[in-house]
Amino acid sequence: MDNSANKPIGEMTNEERTKYSIQRAPDYKGKEEAILSNNRKECWNARDKYFECLDKNSENELACTQFYNTFKDSCLNSWCEYFIKKRKQDKLKQEFLSKNN
């Protein structure tokens, strides 16, 4: 880890916090340059395509297996878990708000 890991998180820049978080991920393998540039964009694109497929197919995961596999291959496991949990939470929040309005 670089020297930014010795700083309190509140004093880190956004870039330092991102690097620190990646390095602490359980599946980090020392490739932060690749992850922080092109691979991050590939990950987000794969995530967006997978989620778009789920939207079009009424959340049918079997219909989106190819997109899911690309998503899993393009992102760190910890990122995949985060994005999927966040999507589920956002969907529940959206449902709750639409029922109460």
C-alpha atoms as a PDB file:
ATOM      1  CA  MET A   1       0.000   0.000   0.000  1.00  0.00           C
ATOM      2  CA  ASP A   2       1.146   3.522  -0.612  1.00  0.00           C
ATOM      3  CA  ASN A   3       1.735   6.195   2.035  1.00  0.00           C
ATOM      4  CA  SER A   4      -1.864   7.449   1.812  1.00  0.00           C
ATOM      5  CA  ALA A   5      -2.897   4.340   3.777  1.00  0.00           C
ATOM      6  CA  ASN A   6      -1.178   5.883   6.801  1.00  0.00           C
ATOM      7  CA  LYS A   7      -3.428   8.966   6.675  1.00  0.00           C
ATOM      8  CA  PRO A   8      -6.796   9.050   8.374  1.00  0.00           C
ATOM      9  CA  ILE A   9      -9.496   8.411   5.775  1.00  0.00           C
ATOM     10  CA  GLY A  10     -11.004  11.853   6.339  1.00  0.00           C
ATOM     11  CA  GLU A  11      -7.749  13.479   5.225  1.00  0.00           C
ATOM     12  CA  MET A  12      -7.387  11.436   2.024  1.00  0.00           C
ATOM     13  CA  THR A  13      -8.264  12.763  -1.399  1.00  0.00           C
ATOM     14  CA  ASN A  14     -10.961  10.940  -3.376  1.00  0.00           C
ATOM     15  CA  GLU A  15      -8.280   9.201  -5.443  1.00  0.00           C
ATOM     16  CA  GLU A  16      -6.370   8.106  -2.314  1.00  0.00           C
ATOM     17  CA  ARG A  17      -9.596   6.752  -0.755  1.00  0.00           C
ATOM     18  CA  THR A  18     -10.371   4.825  -3.938  1.00  0.00           C
ATOM     19  CA  LYS A  19      -6.891   3.276  -4.044  1.00  0.00           C
ATOM     20  CA  TYR A  20      -7.077   2.481  -0.322  1.00  0.00           C
ATOM     21  CA  SER A  21     -10.472   0.794  -0.715  1.00  0.00           C
ATOM     22  CA  ILE A  22      -9.302  -1.260  -3.680  1.00  0.00           C
ATOM     23  CA  GLN A  23      -6.180  -2.373  -1.860  1.00  0.00           C
ATOM     24  CA  ARG A  24      -8.263  -3.484   1.125  1.00  0.00           C
ATOM     25  CA  ALA A  25     -10.657  -5.515  -1.041  1.00  0.00           C
ATOM     26  CA  PRO A  26     -10.309  -9.232  -0.330  1.00  0.00           C
ATOM     27  CA  ASP A  27      -9.735  -9.976  -4.016  1.00  0.00           C
ATOM     28  CA  TYR A  28      -7.104  -7.260  -4.647  1.00  0.00           C
ATOM     29  CA  LYS A  29      -4.128  -8.582  -6.570  1.00  0.00           C
ATOM     30  CA  GLY A  30      -1.942  -5.479  -6.897  1.00  0.00           C
ATOM     31  CA  LYS A  31      -3.276  -4.150 -10.194  1.00  0.00           C
ATOM     32  CA  GLU A  32      -4.617  -0.766  -9.132  1.00  0.00           C
ATOM     33  CA  GLU A  33      -3.421   1.090 -12.270  1.00  0.00           C
ATOM     34  CA  ALA A  34      -5.474  -1.173 -14.507  1.00  0.00           C
ATOM     35  CA  ILE A  35      -8.424  -1.180 -12.132  1.00  0.00           C
ATOM     36  CA  LEU A  36      -8.455   2.581 -11.713  1.00  0.00           C
ATOM     37  CA  SER A  37      -8.533   3.349 -15.432  1.00  0.00           C
ATOM     38  CA  ASN A  38      -9.703   1.098 -18.253  1.00  0.00           C
ATOM     39  CA  ASN A  39     -10.860  -1.813 -16.126  1.00  0.00           C
ATOM     40  CA  ARG A  40     -13.088   0.435 -14.043  1.00  0.00           C
ATOM     41  CA  LYS A  41     -14.789   1.663 -17.219  1.00  0.00           C
ATOM     42  CA  GLU A  42     -15.126  -1.918 -18.490  1.00  0.00           C
ATOM     43  CA  CYS A  43     -16.613  -2.935 -15.157  1.00  0.00           C
ATOM     44  CA  TRP A  44     -19.174  -0.125 -15.194  1.00  0.00           C
ATOM     45  CA  ASN A  45     -20.127  -0.834 -18.805  1.00  0.00           C
ATOM     46  CA  ALA A  46     -20.561  -4.541 -18.054  1.00  0.00           C
ATOM     47  CA  ARG A  47     -22.618  -3.677 -14.954  1.00  0.00           C
ATOM     48  CA  ASP A  48     -24.840  -1.321 -16.942  1.00  0.00           C
ATOM     49  CA  LYS A  49     -25.446  -3.922 -19.667  1.00  0.00           C
ATOM     50  CA  TYR A  50     -26.260  -6.618 -17.099  1.00  0.00           C
ATOM     51  CA  PHE A  51     -28.673  -4.358 -15.207  1.00  0.00           C
ATOM     52  CA  GLU A  52     -30.263  -3.211 -18.478  1.00  0.00           C
ATOM     53  CA  CYS A  53     -30.832  -6.860 -19.387  1.00  0.00           C
ATOM     54  CA  LEU A  54     -32.443  -7.489 -15.995  1.00  0.00           C
ATOM     55  CA  ASP A  55     -34.720  -4.490 -16.507  1.00  0.00           C
ATOM     56  CA  LYS A  56     -35.771  -5.690 -19.966  1.00  0.00           C
ATOM     57  CA  ASN A  57     -36.355  -9.270 -18.764  1.00  0.00           C
ATOM     58  CA  SER A  58     -38.283  -8.589 -15.542  1.00  0.00           C
ATOM     59  CA  GLU A  59     -35.297  -9.472 -13.341  1.00  0.00           C
ATOM     60  CA  ASN A  60     -34.956 -12.930 -14.965  1.00  0.00           C
ATOM     61  CA  GLU A  61     -31.324 -13.757 -14.161  1.00  0.00           C
ATOM     62  CA  LEU A  62     -31.288 -16.829 -16.439  1.00  0.00           C
ATOM     63  CA  ALA A  63     -32.053 -14.656 -19.462  1.00  0.00           C
ATOM     64  CA  CYS A  64     -29.053 -12.458 -18.588  1.00  0.00           C
ATOM     65  CA  THR A  65     -26.430 -15.120 -17.863  1.00  0.00           C
ATOM     66  CA  GLN A  66     -24.074 -13.956 -20.607  1.00  0.00           C
ATOM     67  CA  PHE A  67     -24.183 -10.361 -19.349  1.00  0.00           C
ATOM     68  CA  TYR A  68     -23.720 -11.542 -15.763  1.00  0.00           C
ATOM     69  CA  ASN A  69     -20.630 -13.562 -16.705  1.00  0.00           C
ATOM     70  CA  THR A  70     -19.122 -10.551 -18.472  1.00  0.00           C
ATOM     71  CA  PHE A  71     -19.928  -8.414 -15.430  1.00  0.00           C
ATOM     72  CA  LYS A  72     -18.269 -10.919 -13.052  1.00  0.00           C
ATOM     73  CA  ASP A  73     -15.201 -11.182 -15.315  1.00  0.00           C
ATOM     74  CA  SER A  74     -14.848  -7.396 -15.639  1.00  0.00           C
ATOM     75  CA  CYS A  75     -15.139  -6.394 -11.967  1.00  0.00           C
ATOM     76  CA  LEU A  76     -13.627  -7.259  -8.622  1.00  0.00           C
ATOM     77  CA  ASN A  77     -15.873  -9.648  -6.681  1.00  0.00           C
ATOM     78  CA  SER A  78     -16.317  -7.050  -3.959  1.00  0.00           C
ATOM     79  CA  TRP A  79     -17.509  -4.520  -6.556  1.00  0.00           C
ATOM     80  CA  CYS A  80     -20.004  -7.006  -8.045  1.00  0.00           C
ATOM     81  CA  GLU A  81     -21.425  -7.723  -4.614  1.00  0.00           C
ATOM     82  CA  TYR A  82     -21.691  -4.008  -3.869  1.00  0.00           C
ATOM     83  CA  PHE A  83     -23.388  -3.124  -7.181  1.00  0.00           C
ATOM     84  CA  ILE A  84     -25.905  -5.965  -6.866  1.00  0.00           C
ATOM     85  CA  LYS A  85     -26.760  -5.087  -3.241  1.00  0.00           C
ATOM     86  CA  LYS A  86     -27.091  -1.418  -4.139  1.00  0.00           C
ATOM     87  CA  ARG A  87     -29.387  -2.228  -7.057  1.00  0.00           C
ATOM     88  CA  LYS A  88     -31.643  -4.314  -4.812  1.00  0.00           C
ATOM     89  CA  GLN A  89     -31.744  -1.586  -2.157  1.00  0.00           C
ATOM     90  CA  ASP A  90     -32.510   1.072  -4.765  1.00  0.00           C
ATOM     91  CA  LYS A  91     -35.338  -1.062  -6.208  1.00  0.00           C
ATOM     92  CA  LEU A  92     -36.839  -1.576  -2.733  1.00  0.00           C
ATOM     93  CA  LYS A  93     -36.544   2.128  -1.998  1.00  0.00           C
ATOM     94  CA  GLN A  94     -38.207   2.991  -5.305  1.00  0.00           C
ATOM     95  CA  GLU A  95     -41.069   0.552  -4.600  1.00  0.00           C
ATOM     96  CA  PHE A  96     -41.541   1.952  -1.097  1.00  0.00           C
ATOM     97  CA  LEU A  97     -41.614   5.542  -2.311  1.00  0.00           C
ATOM     98  CA  SER A  98     -44.028   4.791  -5.153  1.00  0.00           C
ATOM     99  CA  LYS A  99     -46.442   3.030  -2.752  1.00  0.00           C
ATOM    100  CA  ASN A 100     -46.367   5.912  -0.286  1.00  0.00           C
ATOM    101  CA  ASN A 101     -46.928   8.751  -2.749  1.00  0.00           C
END
